[in-house]
Amino acid sequence: MTDQNREQQFIDNVKKALDLDTENLDPATQSKLTHIRHRALDAGERKGFDIREWFTVPVAGWATACLLVLGLVFYMQPSNGTLPPLEDIDLLVAEDNLEFYDGLEFYAWLAEENNDVAG
């Protein structure tokens, strides 16, 4: 038996089981289900562009699309050729104690004084 035959047999079995369950429902629920079924079939027959379908897209989908467009706009802009100084990048990725950088001006002055004395 092929996969397609097994799948069709499974669908038929599920349909039979669901049909048996719907026969035991009260008339009001059966009426609601029939109405929903007809509405779904009518929606499937519609063809062409329907603006209402665009408003049913989840907000997350719209947000993702906007972020992608925004990212492409920034990516496609020509670079002005300026990068942050390497010293700043080194500070950002360093795993040193941050208290060391509080006295950085002192260390720079001390290194300059040592260069003056040595030179």
PDB file of N, CA and C in Angstrom:
ATOM      1  N   MET A   1       0.855  -1.170   0.000  1.00  0.00           N
ATOM      2  CA  MET A   1       0.000   0.000   0.000  1.00  0.00           C
ATOM      3  C   MET A   1       0.902   1.234   0.000  1.00  0.00           C
ATOM      4  N   THR A   2       0.620   2.169  -0.866  1.00  0.00           N
ATOM      5  CA  THR A   2       1.454   3.352  -0.978  1.00  0.00           C
ATOM      6  C   THR A   2       1.099   4.344   0.120  1.00  0.00           C
ATOM      7  N   ASP A   3       1.970   5.317   0.274  1.00  0.00           N
ATOM      8  CA  ASP A   3       1.738   6.350   1.288  1.00  0.00           C
ATOM      9  C   ASP A   3       0.482   7.147   0.990  1.00  0.00           C
ATOM     10  N   GLN A   4       0.226   7.384  -0.287  1.00  0.00           N
ATOM     11  CA  GLN A   4      -0.962   8.157  -0.666  1.00  0.00           C
ATOM     12  C   GLN A   4      -2.234   7.376  -0.320  1.00  0.00           C
ATOM     13  N   ASN A   5      -2.225   6.070  -0.534  1.00  0.00           N
ATOM     14  CA  ASN A   5      -3.389   5.242  -0.187  1.00  0.00           C
ATOM     15  C   ASN A   5      -3.604   5.214   1.320  1.00  0.00           C
ATOM     16  N   ARG A   6      -2.510   5.089   2.075  1.00  0.00           N
ATOM     17  CA  ARG A   6      -2.615   5.083   3.537  1.00  0.00           C
ATOM     18  C   ARG A   6      -3.163   6.410   4.043  1.00  0.00           C
ATOM     19  N   GLU A   7      -2.681   7.492   3.444  1.00  0.00           N
ATOM     20  CA  GLU A   7      -3.149   8.812   3.856  1.00  0.00           C
ATOM     21  C   GLU A   7      -4.633   8.979   3.552  1.00  0.00           C
ATOM     22  N   GLN A   8      -5.063   8.540   2.389  1.00  0.00           N
ATOM     23  CA  GLN A   8      -6.474   8.651   2.011  1.00  0.00           C
ATOM     24  C   GLN A   8      -7.339   7.783   2.931  1.00  0.00           C
ATOM     25  N   GLN A   9      -6.857   6.584   3.271  1.00  0.00           N
ATOM     26  CA  GLN A   9      -7.599   5.706   4.175  1.00  0.00           C
ATOM     27  C   GLN A   9      -7.705   6.341   5.558  1.00  0.00           C
ATOM     28  N   PHE A  10      -6.618   6.967   6.018  1.00  0.00           N
ATOM     29  CA  PHE A  10      -6.641   7.643   7.312  1.00  0.00           C
ATOM     30  C   PHE A  10      -7.665   8.775   7.302  1.00  0.00           C
ATOM     31  N   ILE A  11      -7.667   9.566   6.236  1.00  0.00           N
ATOM     32  CA  ILE A  11      -8.612  10.683   6.132  1.00  0.00           C
ATOM     33  C   ILE A  11     -10.046  10.169   6.114  1.00  0.00           C
ATOM     34  N   ASP A  12     -10.282   9.076   5.385  1.00  0.00           N
ATOM     35  CA  ASP A  12     -11.625   8.499   5.337  1.00  0.00           C
ATOM     36  C   ASP A  12     -12.061   8.013   6.709  1.00  0.00           C
ATOM     37  N   ASN A  13     -11.156   7.360   7.440  1.00  0.00           N
ATOM     38  CA  ASN A  13     -11.486   6.877   8.787  1.00  0.00           C
ATOM     39  C   ASN A  13     -11.792   8.024   9.737  1.00  0.00           C
ATOM     40  N   VAL A  14     -11.012   9.077   9.658  1.00  0.00           N
ATOM     41  CA  VAL A  14     -11.256  10.239  10.520  1.00  0.00           C
ATOM     42  C   VAL A  14     -12.598  10.865  10.176  1.00  0.00           C
ATOM     43  N   LYS A  15     -12.888  10.983   8.897  1.00  0.00           N
ATOM     44  CA  LYS A  15     -14.166  11.564   8.457  1.00  0.00           C
ATOM     45  C   LYS A  15     -15.340  10.740   8.968  1.00  0.00           C
ATOM     46  N   LYS A  16     -15.244   9.410   8.875  1.00  0.00           N
ATOM     47  CA  LYS A  16     -16.315   8.540   9.373  1.00  0.00           C
ATOM     48  C   LYS A  16     -16.515   8.711  10.870  1.00  0.00           C
ATOM     49  N   ALA A  17     -15.398   8.762  11.609  1.00  0.00           N
ATOM     50  CA  ALA A  17     -15.495   8.912  13.063  1.00  0.00           C
ATOM     51  C   ALA A  17     -16.118  10.255  13.434  1.00  0.00           C
ATOM     52  N   LEU A  18     -15.724  11.306  12.726  1.00  0.00           N
ATOM     53  CA  LEU A  18     -16.294  12.624  13.018  1.00  0.00           C
ATOM     54  C   LEU A  18     -17.769  12.688  12.627  1.00  0.00           C
ATOM     55  N   ASP A  19     -18.121  12.051  11.523  1.00  0.00           N
ATOM     56  CA  ASP A  19     -19.530  12.023  11.112  1.00  0.00           C
ATOM     57  C   ASP A  19     -20.383  11.290  12.134  1.00  0.00           C
ATOM     58  N   LEU A  20     -19.876  10.182  12.678  1.00  0.00           N
ATOM     59  CA  LEU A  20     -20.622   9.455  13.713  1.00  0.00           C
ATOM     60  C   LEU A  20     -20.806  10.310  14.959  1.00  0.00           C
ATOM     61  N   ASP A  21     -19.779  11.069  15.317  1.00  0.00           N
ATOM     62  CA  ASP A  21     -19.884  11.934  16.494  1.00  0.00           C
ATOM     63  C   ASP A  21     -20.871  13.066  16.273  1.00  0.00           C
ATOM     64  N   THR A  22     -20.948  13.593  15.065  1.00  0.00           N
ATOM     65  CA  THR A  22     -21.863  14.708  14.814  1.00  0.00           C
ATOM     66  C   THR A  22     -23.315  14.246  14.787  1.00  0.00           C
ATOM     67  N   GLU A  23     -23.577  12.978  14.515  1.00  0.00           N
ATOM     68  CA  GLU A  23     -24.952  12.475  14.517  1.00  0.00           C
ATOM     69  C   GLU A  23     -25.542  12.483  15.917  1.00  0.00           C
ATOM     70  N   ASN A  24     -24.693  12.436  16.932  1.00  0.00           N
ATOM     71  CA  ASN A  24     -25.169  12.399  18.310  1.00  0.00           C
ATOM     72  C   ASN A  24     -25.307  13.791  18.921  1.00  0.00           C
ATOM     73  N   LEU A  25     -25.074  14.837  18.154  1.00  0.00           N
ATOM     74  CA  LEU A  25     -25.166  16.201  18.668  1.00  0.00           C
ATOM     75  C   LEU A  25     -26.607  16.698  18.630  1.00  0.00           C
ATOM     76  N   ASP A  26     -26.878  17.703  19.465  1.00  0.00           N
ATOM     77  CA  ASP A  26     -28.214  18.298  19.467  1.00  0.00           C
ATOM     78  C   ASP A  26     -28.410  19.120  18.184  1.00  0.00           C
ATOM     79  N   PRO A  27     -29.644  19.401  17.790  1.00  0.00           N
ATOM     80  CA  PRO A  27     -29.913  20.104  16.529  1.00  0.00           C
ATOM     81  C   PRO A  27     -29.297  21.500  16.446  1.00  0.00           C
ATOM     82  N   ALA A  28     -29.214  22.229  17.548  1.00  0.00           N
ATOM     83  CA  ALA A  28     -28.645  23.580  17.516  1.00  0.00           C
ATOM     84  C   ALA A  28     -27.152  23.523  17.158  1.00  0.00           C
ATOM     85  N   THR A  29     -26.429  22.594  17.747  1.00  0.00           N
ATOM     86  CA  THR A  29     -25.003  22.457  17.465  1.00  0.00           C
ATOM     87  C   THR A  29     -24.784  21.975  16.033  1.00  0.00           C
ATOM     88  N   GLN A  30     -25.639  21.055  15.575  1.00  0.00           N
ATOM     89  CA  GLN A  30     -25.534  20.593  14.188  1.00  0.00           C
ATOM     90  C   GLN A  30     -25.769  21.737  13.217  1.00  0.00           C
ATOM     91  N   SER A  31     -26.719  22.610  13.543  1.00  0.00           N
ATOM     92  CA  SER A  31     -26.996  23.765  12.688  1.00  0.00           C
ATOM     93  C   SER A  31     -25.797  24.706  12.634  1.00  0.00           C
ATOM     94  N   LYS A  32     -25.170  24.947  13.784  1.00  0.00           N
ATOM     95  CA  LYS A  32     -23.978  25.809  13.822  1.00  0.00           C
ATOM     96  C   LYS A  32     -22.844  25.210  12.990  1.00  0.00           C
ATOM     97  N   LEU A  33     -22.646  23.908  13.136  1.00  0.00           N
ATOM     98  CA  LEU A  33     -21.583  23.252  12.376  1.00  0.00           C
ATOM     99  C   LEU A  33     -21.854  23.310  10.874  1.00  0.00           C
ATOM    100  N   THR A  34     -23.094  23.133  10.490  1.00  0.00           N
ATOM    101  CA  THR A  34     -23.453  23.209   9.068  1.00  0.00           C
ATOM    102  C   THR A  34     -23.203  24.613   8.535  1.00  0.00           C
ATOM    103  N   HIS A  35     -23.588  25.607   9.327  1.00  0.00           N
ATOM    104  CA  HIS A  35     -23.366  27.005   8.913  1.00  0.00           C
ATOM    105  C   HIS A  35     -21.868  27.285   8.749  1.00  0.00           C
ATOM    106  N   ILE A  36     -21.055  26.825   9.687  1.00  0.00           N
ATOM    107  CA  ILE A  36     -19.607  27.039   9.624  1.00  0.00           C
ATOM    108  C   ILE A  36     -19.021  26.307   8.417  1.00  0.00           C
ATOM    109  N   ARG A  37     -19.495  25.100   8.156  1.00  0.00           N
ATOM    110  CA  ARG A  37     -19.001  24.326   7.015  1.00  0.00           C
ATOM    111  C   ARG A  37     -19.298  25.050   5.697  1.00  0.00           C
ATOM    112  N   HIS A  38     -20.541  25.575   5.568  1.00  0.00           N
ATOM    113  CA  HIS A  38     -20.900  26.291   4.339  1.00  0.00           C
ATOM    114  C   HIS A  38     -20.096  27.575   4.182  1.00  0.00           C
ATOM    115  N   ARG A  39     -19.861  28.257   5.283  1.00  0.00           N
ATOM    116  CA  ARG A  39     -19.058  29.484   5.224  1.00  0.00           C
ATOM    117  C   ARG A  39     -17.625  29.170   4.790  1.00  0.00           C
ATOM    118  N   ALA A  40     -17.071  28.079   5.283  1.00  0.00           N
ATOM    119  CA  ALA A  40     -15.710  27.688   4.897  1.00  0.00           C
ATOM    120  C   ALA A  40     -15.654  27.294   3.429  1.00  0.00           C
ATOM    121  N   LEU A  41     -16.670  26.589   2.959  1.00  0.00           N
ATOM    122  CA  LEU A  41     -16.690  26.210   1.544  1.00  0.00           C
ATOM    123  C   LEU A  41     -16.842  27.435   0.649  1.00  0.00           C
ATOM    124  N   ASP A  42     -17.660  28.399   1.063  1.00  0.00           N
ATOM    125  CA  ASP A  42     -17.811  29.634   0.284  1.00  0.00           C
ATOM    126  C   ASP A  42     -16.503  30.414   0.240  1.00  0.00           C
ATOM    127  N   ALA A  43     -15.787  30.436   1.342  1.00  0.00           N
ATOM    128  CA  ALA A  43     -14.509  31.156   1.381  1.00  0.00           C
ATOM    129  C   ALA A  43     -13.490  30.486   0.478  1.00  0.00           C
ATOM    130  N   GLY A  44     -13.552  29.174   0.370  1.00  0.00           N
ATOM    131  CA  GLY A  44     -12.618  28.449  -0.486  1.00  0.00           C
ATOM    132  C   GLY A  44     -12.898  28.661  -1.963  1.00  0.00           C
ATOM    133  N   GLU A  45     -14.136  28.961  -2.310  1.00  0.00           N
ATOM    134  CA  GLU A  45     -14.490  29.173  -3.708  1.00  0.00           C
ATOM    135  C   GLU A  45     -14.126  30.565  -4.201  1.00  0.00           C
ATOM    136  N   ARG A  46     -13.954  31.506  -3.285  1.00  0.00           N
ATOM    137  CA  ARG A  46     -13.601  32.867  -3.703  1.00  0.00           C
ATOM    138  C   ARG A  46     -12.239  32.864  -4.351  1.00  0.00           C
ATOM    139  N   LYS A  47     -12.126  33.604  -5.409  1.00  0.00           N
ATOM    140  CA  LYS A  47     -10.845  33.710  -6.094  1.00  0.00           C
ATOM    141  C   LYS A  47     -10.513  35.172  -6.272  1.00  0.00           C
ATOM    142  N   GLY A  48      -9.228  35.438  -6.438  1.00  0.00           N
ATOM    143  CA  GLY A  48      -8.803  36.813  -6.659  1.00  0.00           C
ATOM    144  C   GLY A  48      -8.341  37.460  -5.363  1.00  0.00           C
ATOM    145  N   PHE A  49      -8.054  38.732  -5.476  1.00  0.00           N
ATOM    146  CA  PHE A  49      -7.496  39.492  -4.362  1.00  0.00           C
ATOM    147  C   PHE A  49      -8.622  40.034  -3.494  1.00  0.00           C
ATOM    148  N   ASP A  50      -8.526  39.819  -2.205  1.00  0.00           N
ATOM    149  CA  ASP A  50      -9.505  40.340  -1.260  1.00  0.00           C
ATOM    150  C   ASP A  50      -8.757  41.115  -0.192  1.00  0.00           C
ATOM    151  N   ILE A  51      -9.038  42.415  -0.112  1.00  0.00           N
ATOM    152  CA  ILE A  51      -8.302  43.278   0.824  1.00  0.00           C
ATOM    153  C   ILE A  51      -8.524  42.851   2.271  1.00  0.00           C
ATOM    154  N   ARG A  52      -9.661  42.242   2.569  1.00  0.00           N
ATOM    155  CA  ARG A  52      -9.925  41.826   3.952  1.00  0.00           C
ATOM    156  C   ARG A  52      -8.946  40.758   4.412  1.00  0.00           C
ATOM    157  N   GLU A  53      -8.436  39.967   3.492  1.00  0.00           N
ATOM    158  CA  GLU A  53      -7.481  38.933   3.868  1.00  0.00           C
ATOM    159  C   GLU A  53      -6.170  39.533   4.366  1.00  0.00           C
ATOM    160  N   TRP A  54      -5.824  40.713   3.868  1.00  0.00           N
ATOM    161  CA  TRP A  54      -4.579  41.349   4.302  1.00  0.00           C
ATOM    162  C   TRP A  54      -4.662  41.816   5.744  1.00  0.00           C
ATOM    163  N   PHE A  55      -5.859  42.124   6.204  1.00  0.00           N
ATOM    164  CA  PHE A  55      -6.001  42.601   7.573  1.00  0.00           C
ATOM    165  C   PHE A  55      -6.070  41.468   8.573  1.00  0.00           C
ATOM    166  N   THR A  56      -6.131  40.235   8.107  1.00  0.00           N
ATOM    167  CA  THR A  56      -6.161  39.113   9.023  1.00  0.00           C
ATOM    168  C   THR A  56      -4.769  38.578   9.328  1.00  0.00           C
ATOM    169  N   VAL A  57      -3.763  39.144   8.698  1.00  0.00           N
ATOM    170  CA  VAL A  57      -2.387  38.718   8.967  1.00  0.00           C
ATOM    171  C   VAL A  57      -2.032  39.143  10.393  1.00  0.00           C
ATOM    172  N   PRO A  58      -1.438  38.278  11.168  1.00  0.00           N
ATOM    173  CA  PRO A  58      -1.099  38.633  12.547  1.00  0.00           C
ATOM    174  C   PRO A  58      -0.142  39.823  12.623  1.00  0.00           C
ATOM    175  N   VAL A  59      -0.230  40.500  13.730  1.00  0.00           N
ATOM    176  CA  VAL A  59       0.608  41.678  13.948  1.00  0.00           C
ATOM    177  C   VAL A  59       2.084  41.306  13.897  1.00  0.00           C
ATOM    178  N   ALA A  60       2.421  40.147  14.389  1.00  0.00           N
ATOM    179  CA  ALA A  60       3.826  39.722  14.365  1.00  0.00           C
ATOM    180  C   ALA A  60       4.337  39.602  12.935  1.00  0.00           C
ATOM    181  N   GLY A  61       3.494  39.160  12.043  1.00  0.00           N
ATOM    182  CA  GLY A  61       3.899  39.066  10.639  1.00  0.00           C
ATOM    183  C   GLY A  61       4.172  40.428  10.040  1.00  0.00           C
ATOM    184  N   TRP A  62       3.312  41.389  10.333  1.00  0.00           N
ATOM    185  CA  TRP A  62       3.520  42.755   9.836  1.00  0.00           C
ATOM    186  C   TRP A  62       4.791  43.352  10.444  1.00  0.00           C
ATOM    187  N   ALA A  63       4.995  43.128  11.734  1.00  0.00           N
ATOM    188  CA  ALA A  63       6.188  43.669  12.386  1.00  0.00           C
ATOM    189  C   ALA A  63       7.450  43.069  11.774  1.00  0.00           C
ATOM    190  N   THR A  64       7.434  41.780  11.512  1.00  0.00           N
ATOM    191  CA  THR A  64       8.593  41.135  10.897  1.00  0.00           C
ATOM    192  C   THR A  64       8.858  41.703   9.510  1.00  0.00           C
ATOM    193  N   ALA A  65       7.796  41.890   8.731  1.00  0.00           N
ATOM    194  CA  ALA A  65       7.962  42.447   7.389  1.00  0.00           C
ATOM    195  C   ALA A  65       8.541  43.862   7.460  1.00  0.00           C
ATOM    196  N   CYS A  66       8.059  44.666   8.392  1.00  0.00           N
ATOM    197  CA  CYS A  66       8.579  46.040   8.535  1.00  0.00           C
ATOM    198  C   CYS A  66      10.045  46.032   8.940  1.00  0.00           C
ATOM    199  N   LEU A  67      10.415  45.147   9.854  1.00  0.00           N
ATOM    200  CA  LEU A  67      11.814  45.068  10.275  1.00  0.00           C
ATOM    201  C   LEU A  67      12.716  44.627   9.127  1.00  0.00           C
ATOM    202  N   LEU A  68      12.243  43.709   8.314  1.00  0.00           N
ATOM    203  CA  LEU A  68      13.035  43.274   7.167  1.00  0.00           C
ATOM    204  C   LEU A  68      13.246  44.422   6.181  1.00  0.00           C
ATOM    205  N   VAL A  69      12.188  45.171   5.911  1.00  0.00           N
ATOM    206  CA  VAL A  69      12.318  46.308   4.991  1.00  0.00           C
ATOM    207  C   VAL A  69      13.256  47.347   5.578  1.00  0.00           C
ATOM    208  N   LEU A  70      13.094  47.644   6.855  1.00  0.00           N
ATOM    209  CA  LEU A  70      13.959  48.622   7.513  1.00  0.00           C
ATOM    210  C   LEU A  70      15.421  48.160   7.499  1.00  0.00           C
ATOM    211  N   GLY A  71      15.642  46.879   7.765  1.00  0.00           N
ATOM    212  CA  GLY A  71      16.999  46.345   7.717  1.00  0.00           C
ATOM    213  C   GLY A  71      17.604  46.445   6.332  1.00  0.00           C
ATOM    214  N   LEU A  72      16.811  46.155   5.312  1.00  0.00           N
ATOM    215  CA  LEU A  72      17.317  46.278   3.943  1.00  0.00           C
ATOM    216  C   LEU A  72      17.641  47.723   3.590  1.00  0.00           C
ATOM    217  N   VAL A  73      16.823  48.655   4.055  1.00  0.00           N
ATOM    218  CA  VAL A  73      17.086  50.069   3.770  1.00  0.00           C
ATOM    219  C   VAL A  73      18.417  50.490   4.376  1.00  0.00           C
ATOM    220  N   PHE A  74      18.654  50.101   5.624  1.00  0.00           N
ATOM    221  CA  PHE A  74      19.923  50.470   6.265  1.00  0.00           C
ATOM    222  C   PHE A  74      21.102  49.721   5.662  1.00  0.00           C
ATOM    223  N   TYR A  75      20.881  48.481   5.258  1.00  0.00           N
ATOM    224  CA  TYR A  75      21.959  47.682   4.680  1.00  0.00           C
ATOM    225  C   TYR A  75      22.368  48.220   3.310  1.00  0.00           C
ATOM    226  N   MET A  76      21.409  48.716   2.560  1.00  0.00           N
ATOM    227  CA  MET A  76      21.678  49.172   1.205  1.00  0.00           C
ATOM    228  C   MET A  76      22.261  50.588   1.148  1.00  0.00           C
ATOM    229  N   GLN A  77      22.211  51.330   2.260  1.00  0.00           N
ATOM    230  CA  GLN A  77      22.765  52.678   2.255  1.00  0.00           C
ATOM    231  C   GLN A  77      24.283  52.611   2.170  1.00  0.00           C
ATOM    232  N   PRO A  78      24.887  53.527   1.386  1.00  0.00           N
ATOM    233  CA  PRO A  78      26.344  53.516   1.294  1.00  0.00           C
ATOM    234  C   PRO A  78      26.970  53.898   2.635  1.00  0.00           C
ATOM    235  N   SER A  79      28.066  53.252   2.945  1.00  0.00           N
ATOM    236  CA  SER A  79      28.769  53.522   4.195  1.00  0.00           C
ATOM    237  C   SER A  79      29.571  54.800   4.065  1.00  0.00           C
ATOM    238  N   ASN A  80      29.624  55.567   5.146  1.00  0.00           N
ATOM    239  CA  ASN A  80      30.413  56.799   5.109  1.00  0.00           C
ATOM    240  C   ASN A  80      31.885  56.522   5.428  1.00  0.00           C
ATOM    241  N   GLY A  81      32.236  55.272   5.666  1.00  0.00           N
ATOM    242  CA  GLY A  81      33.623  54.891   5.842  1.00  0.00           C
ATOM    243  C   GLY A  81      34.170  55.093   7.244  1.00  0.00           C
ATOM    244  N   THR A  82      33.348  55.516   8.181  1.00  0.00           N
ATOM    245  CA  THR A  82      33.842  55.721   9.539  1.00  0.00           C
ATOM    246  C   THR A  82      33.463  54.537  10.401  1.00  0.00           C
ATOM    247  N   LEU A  83      34.438  54.038  11.094  1.00  0.00           N
ATOM    248  CA  LEU A  83      34.227  52.960  12.044  1.00  0.00           C
ATOM    249  C   LEU A  83      34.589  53.482  13.424  1.00  0.00           C
ATOM    250  N   PRO A  84      34.031  52.891  14.455  1.00  0.00           N
ATOM    251  CA  PRO A  84      34.424  53.323  15.790  1.00  0.00           C
ATOM    252  C   PRO A  84      35.905  53.046  16.013  1.00  0.00           C
ATOM    253  N   PRO A  85      36.566  53.886  16.785  1.00  0.00           N
ATOM    254  CA  PRO A  85      37.992  53.655  17.046  1.00  0.00           C
ATOM    255  C   PRO A  85      38.217  52.276  17.668  1.00  0.00           C
ATOM    256  N   LEU A  86      39.352  51.695  17.342  1.00  0.00           N
ATOM    257  CA  LEU A  86      39.642  50.351  17.848  1.00  0.00           C
ATOM    258  C   LEU A  86      39.747  50.318  19.362  1.00  0.00           C
ATOM    259  N   GLU A  87      40.163  51.434  19.951  1.00  0.00           N
ATOM    260  CA  GLU A  87      40.268  51.462  21.404  1.00  0.00           C
ATOM    261  C   GLU A  87      38.895  51.259  22.034  1.00  0.00           C
ATOM    262  N   ASP A  88      37.868  51.868  21.439  1.00  0.00           N
ATOM    263  CA  ASP A  88      36.529  51.712  21.978  1.00  0.00           C
ATOM    264  C   ASP A  88      36.045  50.276  21.837  1.00  0.00           C
ATOM    265  N   ILE A  89      36.360  49.646  20.731  1.00  0.00           N
ATOM    266  CA  ILE A  89      35.949  48.261  20.537  1.00  0.00           C
ATOM    267  C   ILE A  89      36.671  47.368  21.538  1.00  0.00           C
ATOM    268  N   ASP A  90      37.950  47.652  21.768  1.00  0.00           N
ATOM    269  CA  ASP A  90      38.700  46.871  22.754  1.00  0.00           C
ATOM    270  C   ASP A  90      38.085  47.011  24.137  1.00  0.00           C
ATOM    271  N   LEU A  91      37.622  48.210  24.481  1.00  0.00           N
ATOM    272  CA  LEU A  91      37.000  48.417  25.783  1.00  0.00           C
ATOM    273  C   LEU A  91      35.698  47.630  25.894  1.00  0.00           C
ATOM    274  N   LEU A  92      34.961  47.571  24.814  1.00  0.00           N
ATOM    275  CA  LEU A  92      33.673  46.888  24.854  1.00  0.00           C
ATOM    276  C   LEU A  92      33.816  45.382  24.992  1.00  0.00           C
ATOM    277  N   VAL A  93      34.824  44.802  24.371  1.00  0.00           N
ATOM    278  CA  VAL A  93      34.956  43.352  24.400  1.00  0.00           C
ATOM    279  C   VAL A  93      35.912  42.865  25.484  1.00  0.00           C
ATOM    280  N   ALA A  94      36.558  43.766  26.201  1.00  0.00           N
ATOM    281  CA  ALA A  94      37.528  43.369  27.220  1.00  0.00           C
ATOM    282  C   ALA A  94      36.813  42.731  28.404  1.00  0.00           C
ATOM    283  N   GLU A  95      37.464  41.775  28.998  1.00  0.00           N
ATOM    284  CA  GLU A  95      36.921  41.108  30.176  1.00  0.00           C
ATOM    285  C   GLU A  95      37.605  41.615  31.446  1.00  0.00           C
ATOM    286  N   ASP A  96      38.305  42.731  31.346  1.00  0.00           N
ATOM    287  CA  ASP A  96      38.998  43.281  32.495  1.00  0.00           C
ATOM    288  C   ASP A  96      38.011  43.881  33.484  1.00  0.00           C
ATOM    289  N   ASN A  97      38.532  44.171  34.654  1.00  0.00           N
ATOM    290  CA  ASN A  97      37.733  44.830  35.680  1.00  0.00           C
ATOM    291  C   ASN A  97      37.442  46.262  35.219  1.00  0.00           C
ATOM    292  N   LEU A  98      36.215  46.696  35.303  1.00  0.00           N
ATOM    293  CA  LEU A  98      35.833  48.015  34.820  1.00  0.00           C
ATOM    294  C   LEU A  98      36.410  49.139  35.671  1.00  0.00           C
ATOM    295  N   GLU A  99      36.799  48.851  36.912  1.00  0.00           N
ATOM    296  CA  GLU A  99      37.400  49.878  37.765  1.00  0.00           C
ATOM    297  C   GLU A  99      38.738  50.356  37.195  1.00  0.00           C
ATOM    298  N   PHE A 100      39.393  49.497  36.424  1.00  0.00           N
ATOM    299  CA  PHE A 100      40.657  49.868  35.799  1.00  0.00           C
ATOM    300  C   PHE A 100      40.455  51.064  34.881  1.00  0.00           C
ATOM    301  N   TYR A 101      39.323  51.112  34.184  1.00  0.00           N
ATOM    302  CA  TYR A 101      39.085  52.168  33.212  1.00  0.00           C
ATOM    303  C   TYR A 101      38.675  53.483  33.856  1.00  0.00           C
ATOM    304  N   ASP A 102      38.319  53.466  35.146  1.00  0.00           N
ATOM    305  CA  ASP A 102      38.010  54.719  35.843  1.00  0.00           C
ATOM    306  C   ASP A 102      39.249  55.598  35.936  1.00  0.00           C
ATOM    307  N   GLY A 103      40.412  54.995  36.118  1.00  0.00           N
ATOM    308  CA  GLY A 103      41.654  55.757  36.233  1.00  0.00           C
ATOM    309  C   GLY A 103      42.465  55.746  34.954  1.00  0.00           C
ATOM    310  N   LEU A 104      41.830  55.574  33.829  1.00  0.00           N
ATOM    311  CA  LEU A 104      42.528  55.449  32.559  1.00  0.00           C
ATOM    312  C   LEU A 104      43.298  56.718  32.205  1.00  0.00           C
ATOM    313  N   GLU A 105      42.734  57.876  32.526  1.00  0.00           N
ATOM    314  CA  GLU A 105      43.431  59.133  32.230  1.00  0.00           C
ATOM    315  C   GLU A 105      44.750  59.207  33.020  1.00  0.00           C
ATOM    316  N   PHE A 106      44.718  58.727  34.265  1.00  0.00           N
ATOM    317  CA  PHE A 106      45.934  58.723  35.069  1.00  0.00           C
ATOM    318  C   PHE A 106      46.991  57.835  34.426  1.00  0.00           C
ATOM    319  N   TYR A 107      46.595  56.646  33.967  1.00  0.00           N
ATOM    320  CA  TYR A 107      47.558  55.738  33.345  1.00  0.00           C
ATOM    321  C   TYR A 107      48.120  56.330  32.052  1.00  0.00           C
ATOM    322  N   ALA A 108      47.290  57.025  31.291  1.00  0.00           N
ATOM    323  CA  ALA A 108      47.767  57.676  30.063  1.00  0.00           C
ATOM    324  C   ALA A 108      48.776  58.768  30.415  1.00  0.00           C
ATOM    325  N   TRP A 109      48.482  59.560  31.451  1.00  0.00           N
ATOM    326  CA  TRP A 109      49.409  60.608  31.885  1.00  0.00           C
ATOM    327  C   TRP A 109      50.719  59.996  32.366  1.00  0.00           C
ATOM    328  N   LEU A 110      50.613  58.893  33.133  1.00  0.00           N
ATOM    329  CA  LEU A 110      51.798  58.232  33.659  1.00  0.00           C
ATOM    330  C   LEU A 110      52.664  57.704  32.521  1.00  0.00           C
ATOM    331  N   ALA A 111      52.062  57.123  31.501  1.00  0.00           N
ATOM    332  CA  ALA A 111      52.822  56.616  30.356  1.00  0.00           C
ATOM    333  C   ALA A 111      53.488  57.756  29.616  1.00  0.00           C
ATOM    334  N   GLU A 112      52.804  58.895  29.500  1.00  0.00           N
ATOM    335  CA  GLU A 112      53.387  60.058  28.830  1.00  0.00           C
ATOM    336  C   GLU A 112      54.578  60.614  29.612  1.00  0.00           C
ATOM    337  N   GLU A 113      54.459  60.651  30.931  1.00  0.00           N
ATOM    338  CA  GLU A 113      55.563  61.110  31.777  1.00  0.00           C
ATOM    339  C   GLU A 113      56.758  60.176  31.658  1.00  0.00           C
ATOM    340  N   ASN A 114      56.521  58.880  31.605  1.00  0.00           N
ATOM    341  CA  ASN A 114      57.608  57.910  31.478  1.00  0.00           C
ATOM    342  C   ASN A 114      58.302  58.076  30.129  1.00  0.00           C
ATOM    343  N   ASN A 115      57.554  58.373  29.088  1.00  0.00           N
ATOM    344  CA  ASN A 115      58.152  58.590  27.776  1.00  0.00           C
ATOM    345  C   ASN A 115      59.023  59.866  27.789  1.00  0.00           C
ATOM    346  N   ASP A 116      58.565  60.892  28.481  1.00  0.00           N
ATOM    347  CA  ASP A 116      59.341  62.133  28.557  1.00  0.00           C
ATOM    348  C   ASP A 116      60.642  61.927  29.338  1.00  0.00           C
ATOM    349  N   VAL A 117      60.586  61.153  30.399  1.00  0.00           N
ATOM    350  CA  VAL A 117      61.767  60.902  31.217  1.00  0.00           C
ATOM    351  C   VAL A 117      62.751  60.031  30.443  1.00  0.00           C
ATOM    352  N   ALA A 118      62.271  59.030  29.744  1.00  0.00           N
ATOM    353  CA  ALA A 118      63.135  58.119  29.015  1.00  0.00           C
ATOM    354  C   ALA A 118      63.727  58.790  27.783  1.00  0.00           C
ATOM    355  N   GLY A 119      63.016  59.757  27.230  1.00  0.00           N
ATOM    356  CA  GLY A 119      63.478  60.335  25.968  1.00  0.00           C
ATOM    357  C   GLY A 119      64.330  61.493  26.165  1.00  0.00           C
TER     358      GLY A 119
END
